[in-house]
Amino acid sequence: MRALLWVVGVAAGVIILLGLLLEAVRWFVIIGVIALAAVIVVGIVKGRRVVHQHSTRRH
């Protein structure tokens, strides 16, 4: 799962850079930002879930 997040995050970064280079194509920037935000949110949710599972196992 972590590898998939890295791949999507890198792809989002590439899309953002490509969109900035191709100034006329603003949709690349928008899609890249949305994808990057989704990766961050999913990473935070997964991280919290792992932390929560570890804390419940210790009790």
PDB file of N, CA and C in Angstrom:
ATOM      1  N   MET A   1       0.834  -1.197   0.000  1.00  0.00           N
ATOM      2  CA  MET A   1       0.000   0.000   0.000  1.00  0.00           C
ATOM      3  C   MET A   1       0.872   1.251   0.000  1.00  0.00           C
ATOM      4  N   ARG A   2       1.953   1.214   0.774  1.00  0.00           N
ATOM      5  CA  ARG A   2       2.835   2.375   0.856  1.00  0.00           C
ATOM      6  C   ARG A   2       3.488   2.656  -0.497  1.00  0.00           C
ATOM      7  N   ALA A   3       3.832   1.587  -1.234  1.00  0.00           N
ATOM      8  CA  ALA A   3       4.440   1.759  -2.558  1.00  0.00           C
ATOM      9  C   ALA A   3       3.451   2.432  -3.509  1.00  0.00           C
ATOM     10  N   LEU A   4       2.185   2.045  -3.414  1.00  0.00           N
ATOM     11  CA  LEU A   4       1.161   2.651  -4.266  1.00  0.00           C
ATOM     12  C   LEU A   4       1.028   4.140  -3.965  1.00  0.00           C
ATOM     13  N   LEU A   5       1.071   4.495  -2.680  1.00  0.00           N
ATOM     14  CA  LEU A   5       0.992   5.913  -2.307  1.00  0.00           C
ATOM     15  C   LEU A   5       2.171   6.687  -2.888  1.00  0.00           C
ATOM     16  N   TRP A   6       3.379   6.087  -2.829  1.00  0.00           N
ATOM     17  CA  TRP A   6       4.560   6.748  -3.396  1.00  0.00           C
ATOM     18  C   TRP A   6       4.390   6.957  -4.896  1.00  0.00           C
ATOM     19  N   VAL A   7       3.901   5.919  -5.596  1.00  0.00           N
ATOM     20  CA  VAL A   7       3.741   6.009  -7.050  1.00  0.00           C
ATOM     21  C   VAL A   7       2.750   7.107  -7.411  1.00  0.00           C
ATOM     22  N   VAL A   8       1.610   7.133  -6.710  1.00  0.00           N
ATOM     23  CA  VAL A   8       0.590   8.155  -6.997  1.00  0.00           C
ATOM     24  C   VAL A   8       1.119   9.538  -6.646  1.00  0.00           C
ATOM     25  N   GLY A   9       1.844   9.646  -5.531  1.00  0.00           N
ATOM     26  CA  GLY A   9       2.414  10.937  -5.137  1.00  0.00           C
ATOM     27  C   GLY A   9       3.425  11.457  -6.141  1.00  0.00           C
ATOM     28  N   VAL A  10       4.308  10.576  -6.607  1.00  0.00           N
ATOM     29  CA  VAL A  10       5.297  10.984  -7.617  1.00  0.00           C
ATOM     30  C   VAL A  10       4.607  11.347  -8.915  1.00  0.00           C
ATOM     31  N   ALA A  11       3.607  10.545  -9.303  1.00  0.00           N
ATOM     32  CA  ALA A  11       2.858  10.845 -10.529  1.00  0.00           C
ATOM     33  C   ALA A  11       2.165  12.204 -10.412  1.00  0.00           C
ATOM     34  N   ALA A  12       1.609  12.499  -9.238  1.00  0.00           N
ATOM     35  CA  ALA A  12       0.948  13.789  -9.033  1.00  0.00           C
ATOM     36  C   ALA A  12       1.961  14.919  -9.167  1.00  0.00           C
ATOM     37  N   GLY A  13       3.143  14.739  -8.588  1.00  0.00           N
ATOM     38  CA  GLY A  13       4.190  15.757  -8.705  1.00  0.00           C
ATOM     39  C   GLY A  13       4.606  15.980 -10.146  1.00  0.00           C
ATOM     40  N   VAL A  14       4.749  14.885 -10.893  1.00  0.00           N
ATOM     41  CA  VAL A  14       5.124  14.994 -12.310  1.00  0.00           C
ATOM     42  C   VAL A  14       4.038  15.721 -13.095  1.00  0.00           C
ATOM     43  N   ILE A  15       2.781  15.383 -12.804  1.00  0.00           N
ATOM     44  CA  ILE A  15       1.667  16.044 -13.504  1.00  0.00           C
ATOM     45  C   ILE A  15       1.651  17.535 -13.196  1.00  0.00           C
ATOM     46  N   ILE A  16       1.901  17.895 -11.939  1.00  0.00           N
ATOM     47  CA  ILE A  16       1.931  19.315 -11.567  1.00  0.00           C
ATOM     48  C   ILE A  16       3.047  20.035 -12.321  1.00  0.00           C
ATOM     49  N   LEU A  17       4.245  19.430 -12.318  1.00  0.00           N
ATOM     50  CA  LEU A  17       5.368  20.058 -13.033  1.00  0.00           C
ATOM     51  C   LEU A  17       5.088  20.153 -14.527  1.00  0.00           C
ATOM     52  N   LEU A  18       4.516  19.090 -15.093  1.00  0.00           N
ATOM     53  CA  LEU A  18       4.178  19.098 -16.519  1.00  0.00           C
ATOM     54  C   LEU A  18       3.163  20.201 -16.808  1.00  0.00           C
ATOM     55  N   GLY A  19       2.182  20.335 -15.927  1.00  0.00           N
ATOM     56  CA  GLY A  19       1.169  21.374 -16.105  1.00  0.00           C
ATOM     57  C   GLY A  19       1.765  22.775 -16.007  1.00  0.00           C
ATOM     58  N   LEU A  20       2.735  22.953 -15.104  1.00  0.00           N
ATOM     59  CA  LEU A  20       3.378  24.256 -14.990  1.00  0.00           C
ATOM     60  C   LEU A  20       4.223  24.559 -16.227  1.00  0.00           C
ATOM     61  N   LEU A  21       4.852  23.520 -16.773  1.00  0.00           N
ATOM     62  CA  LEU A  21       5.651  23.723 -17.982  1.00  0.00           C
ATOM     63  C   LEU A  21       4.761  24.011 -19.193  1.00  0.00           C
ATOM     64  N   LEU A  22       3.654  23.326 -19.274  1.00  0.00           N
ATOM     65  CA  LEU A  22       2.717  23.541 -20.374  1.00  0.00           C
ATOM     66  C   LEU A  22       1.629  24.508 -19.903  1.00  0.00           C
ATOM     67  N   GLU A  23       2.015  25.736 -19.738  1.00  0.00           N
ATOM     68  CA  GLU A  23       1.173  26.752 -19.096  1.00  0.00           C
ATOM     69  C   GLU A  23      -0.279  26.738 -19.564  1.00  0.00           C
ATOM     70  N   ALA A  24      -0.504  26.411 -20.818  1.00  0.00           N
ATOM     71  CA  ALA A  24      -1.855  26.456 -21.365  1.00  0.00           C
ATOM     72  C   ALA A  24      -2.743  25.345 -20.800  1.00  0.00           C
ATOM     73  N   VAL A  25      -2.143  24.255 -20.350  1.00  0.00           N
ATOM     74  CA  VAL A  25      -2.934  23.106 -19.905  1.00  0.00           C
ATOM     75  C   VAL A  25      -3.080  23.148 -18.394  1.00  0.00           C
ATOM     76  N   ARG A  26      -4.039  23.882 -17.912  1.00  0.00           N
ATOM     77  CA  ARG A  26      -4.220  24.067 -16.469  1.00  0.00           C
ATOM     78  C   ARG A  26      -4.873  22.852 -15.818  1.00  0.00           C
ATOM     79  N   TRP A  27      -5.539  22.020 -16.618  1.00  0.00           N
ATOM     80  CA  TRP A  27      -6.199  20.845 -16.043  1.00  0.00           C
ATOM     81  C   TRP A  27      -5.192  19.888 -15.421  1.00  0.00           C
ATOM     82  N   PHE A  28      -3.974  19.808 -15.991  1.00  0.00           N
ATOM     83  CA  PHE A  28      -2.947  18.942 -15.411  1.00  0.00           C
ATOM     84  C   PHE A  28      -2.618  19.381 -13.987  1.00  0.00           C
ATOM     85  N   VAL A  29      -2.522  20.684 -13.789  1.00  0.00           N
ATOM     86  CA  VAL A  29      -2.212  21.207 -12.450  1.00  0.00           C
ATOM     87  C   VAL A  29      -3.352  20.872 -11.489  1.00  0.00           C
ATOM     88  N   ILE A  30      -4.586  21.067 -11.925  1.00  0.00           N
ATOM     89  CA  ILE A  30      -5.746  20.814 -11.065  1.00  0.00           C
ATOM     90  C   ILE A  30      -5.816  19.334 -10.688  1.00  0.00           C
ATOM     91  N   ILE A  31      -5.679  18.449 -11.688  1.00  0.00           N
ATOM     92  CA  ILE A  31      -5.738  17.008 -11.427  1.00  0.00           C
ATOM     93  C   ILE A  31      -4.577  16.584 -10.529  1.00  0.00           C
ATOM     94  N   GLY A  32      -3.393  17.132 -10.779  1.00  0.00           N
ATOM     95  CA  GLY A  32      -2.224  16.795  -9.965  1.00  0.00           C
ATOM     96  C   GLY A  32      -2.406  17.213  -8.520  1.00  0.00           C
ATOM     97  N   VAL A  33      -2.939  18.414  -8.294  1.00  0.00           N
ATOM     98  CA  VAL A  33      -3.159  18.898  -6.927  1.00  0.00           C
ATOM     99  C   VAL A  33      -4.193  18.023  -6.217  1.00  0.00           C
ATOM    100  N   ILE A  34      -5.259  17.656  -6.938  1.00  0.00           N
ATOM    101  CA  ILE A  34      -6.285  16.790  -6.337  1.00  0.00           C
ATOM    102  C   ILE A  34      -5.689  15.434  -5.981  1.00  0.00           C
ATOM    103  N   ALA A  35      -4.893  14.860  -6.895  1.00  0.00           N
ATOM    104  CA  ALA A  35      -4.270  13.561  -6.637  1.00  0.00           C
ATOM    105  C   ALA A  35      -3.310  13.649  -5.444  1.00  0.00           C
ATOM    106  N   LEU A  36      -2.531  14.722  -5.386  1.00  0.00           N
ATOM    107  CA  LEU A  36      -1.589  14.897  -4.283  1.00  0.00           C
ATOM    108  C   LEU A  36      -2.335  15.037  -2.949  1.00  0.00           C
ATOM    109  N   ALA A  37      -3.414  15.811  -2.953  1.00  0.00           N
ATOM    110  CA  ALA A  37      -4.217  15.971  -1.737  1.00  0.00           C
ATOM    111  C   ALA A  37      -4.810  14.627  -1.313  1.00  0.00           C
ATOM    112  N   ALA A  38      -5.262  13.831  -2.282  1.00  0.00           N
ATOM    113  CA  ALA A  38      -5.830  12.516  -1.966  1.00  0.00           C
ATOM    114  C   ALA A  38      -4.778  11.613  -1.344  1.00  0.00           C
ATOM    115  N   VAL A  39      -3.552  11.650  -1.871  1.00  0.00           N
ATOM    116  CA  VAL A  39      -2.464  10.836  -1.320  1.00  0.00           C
ATOM    117  C   VAL A  39      -2.163  11.254   0.115  1.00  0.00           C
ATOM    118  N   ILE A  40      -2.129  12.557   0.366  1.00  0.00           N
ATOM    119  CA  ILE A  40      -1.847  13.051   1.718  1.00  0.00           C
ATOM    120  C   ILE A  40      -2.941  12.604   2.683  1.00  0.00           C
ATOM    121  N   VAL A  41      -4.204  12.747   2.272  1.00  0.00           N
ATOM    122  CA  VAL A  41      -5.323  12.362   3.136  1.00  0.00           C
ATOM    123  C   VAL A  41      -5.291  10.866   3.418  1.00  0.00           C
ATOM    124  N   VAL A  42      -5.092  10.051   2.369  1.00  0.00           N
ATOM    125  CA  VAL A  42      -5.049   8.596   2.555  1.00  0.00           C
ATOM    126  C   VAL A  42      -3.875   8.216   3.453  1.00  0.00           C
ATOM    127  N   GLY A  43      -2.722   8.870   3.261  1.00  0.00           N
ATOM    128  CA  GLY A  43      -1.565   8.593   4.108  1.00  0.00           C
ATOM    129  C   GLY A  43      -1.825   8.914   5.561  1.00  0.00           C
ATOM    130  N   ILE A  44      -2.480  10.036   5.823  1.00  0.00           N
ATOM    131  CA  ILE A  44      -2.801  10.424   7.202  1.00  0.00           C
ATOM    132  C   ILE A  44      -3.783   9.434   7.819  1.00  0.00           C
ATOM    133  N   VAL A  45      -4.806   9.063   7.047  1.00  0.00           N
ATOM    134  CA  VAL A  45      -5.809   8.119   7.561  1.00  0.00           C
ATOM    135  C   VAL A  45      -5.158   6.773   7.864  1.00  0.00           C
ATOM    136  N   LYS A  46      -4.332   6.277   6.946  1.00  0.00           N
ATOM    137  CA  LYS A  46      -3.654   4.988   7.171  1.00  0.00           C
ATOM    138  C   LYS A  46      -2.705   5.092   8.362  1.00  0.00           C
ATOM    139  N   GLY A  47      -1.994   6.192   8.469  1.00  0.00           N
ATOM    140  CA  GLY A  47      -1.073   6.386   9.587  1.00  0.00           C
ATOM    141  C   GLY A  47      -1.798   6.388  10.916  1.00  0.00           C
ATOM    142  N   ARG A  48      -2.917   7.086  10.986  1.00  0.00           N
ATOM    143  CA  ARG A  48      -3.692   7.121  12.228  1.00  0.00           C
ATOM    144  C   ARG A  48      -4.242   5.746  12.562  1.00  0.00           C
ATOM    145  N   ARG A  49      -4.664   5.011  11.525  1.00  0.00           N
ATOM    146  CA  ARG A  49      -5.220   3.678  11.736  1.00  0.00           C
ATOM    147  C   ARG A  49      -4.147   2.748  12.314  1.00  0.00           C
ATOM    148  N   VAL A  50      -2.932   2.839  11.781  1.00  0.00           N
ATOM    149  CA  VAL A  50      -1.826   2.010  12.275  1.00  0.00           C
ATOM    150  C   VAL A  50      -1.494   2.377  13.713  1.00  0.00           C
ATOM    151  N   VAL A  51      -1.418   3.684  14.005  1.00  0.00           N
ATOM    152  CA  VAL A  51      -1.125   4.131  15.365  1.00  0.00           C
ATOM    153  C   VAL A  51      -2.222   3.660  16.317  1.00  0.00           C
ATOM    154  N   HIS A  52      -3.469   3.760  15.881  1.00  0.00           N
ATOM    155  CA  HIS A  52      -4.586   3.339  16.721  1.00  0.00           C
ATOM    156  C   HIS A  52      -4.533   1.841  16.978  1.00  0.00           C
ATOM    157  N   GLN A  53      -4.216   1.044  15.968  1.00  0.00           N
ATOM    158  CA  GLN A  53      -4.121  -0.413  16.132  1.00  0.00           C
ATOM    159  C   GLN A  53      -3.003  -0.769  17.107  1.00  0.00           C
ATOM    160  N   HIS A  54      -1.870  -0.076  17.007  1.00  0.00           N
ATOM    161  CA  HIS A  54      -0.771  -0.353  17.924  1.00  0.00           C
ATOM    162  C   HIS A  54      -1.137   0.008  19.362  1.00  0.00           C
ATOM    163  N   SER A  55      -1.851   1.107  19.548  1.00  0.00           N
ATOM    164  CA  SER A  55      -2.210   1.521  20.907  1.00  0.00           C
ATOM    165  C   SER A  55      -3.236   0.579  21.512  1.00  0.00           C
ATOM    166  N   THR A  56      -4.151   0.026  20.705  1.00  0.00           N
ATOM    167  CA  THR A  56      -5.152  -0.889  21.248  1.00  0.00           C
ATOM    168  C   THR A  56      -4.549  -2.260  21.534  1.00  0.00           C
ATOM    169  N   ARG A  57      -3.529  -2.653  20.785  1.00  0.00           N
ATOM    170  CA  ARG A  57      -2.882  -3.945  21.025  1.00  0.00           C
ATOM    171  C   ARG A  57      -2.095  -3.928  22.323  1.00  0.00           C
ATOM    172  N   ARG A  58      -1.550  -2.789  22.702  1.00  0.00           N
ATOM    173  CA  ARG A  58      -0.736  -2.708  23.909  1.00  0.00           C
ATOM    174  C   ARG A  58      -1.589  -2.785  25.168  1.00  0.00           C
ATOM    175  N   HIS A  59      -2.866  -2.374  25.070  1.00  0.00           N
ATOM    176  CA  HIS A  59      -3.718  -2.357  26.269  1.00  0.00           C
ATOM    177  C   HIS A  59      -4.255  -3.711  26.533  1.00  0.00           C
TER     178      HIS A  59
END
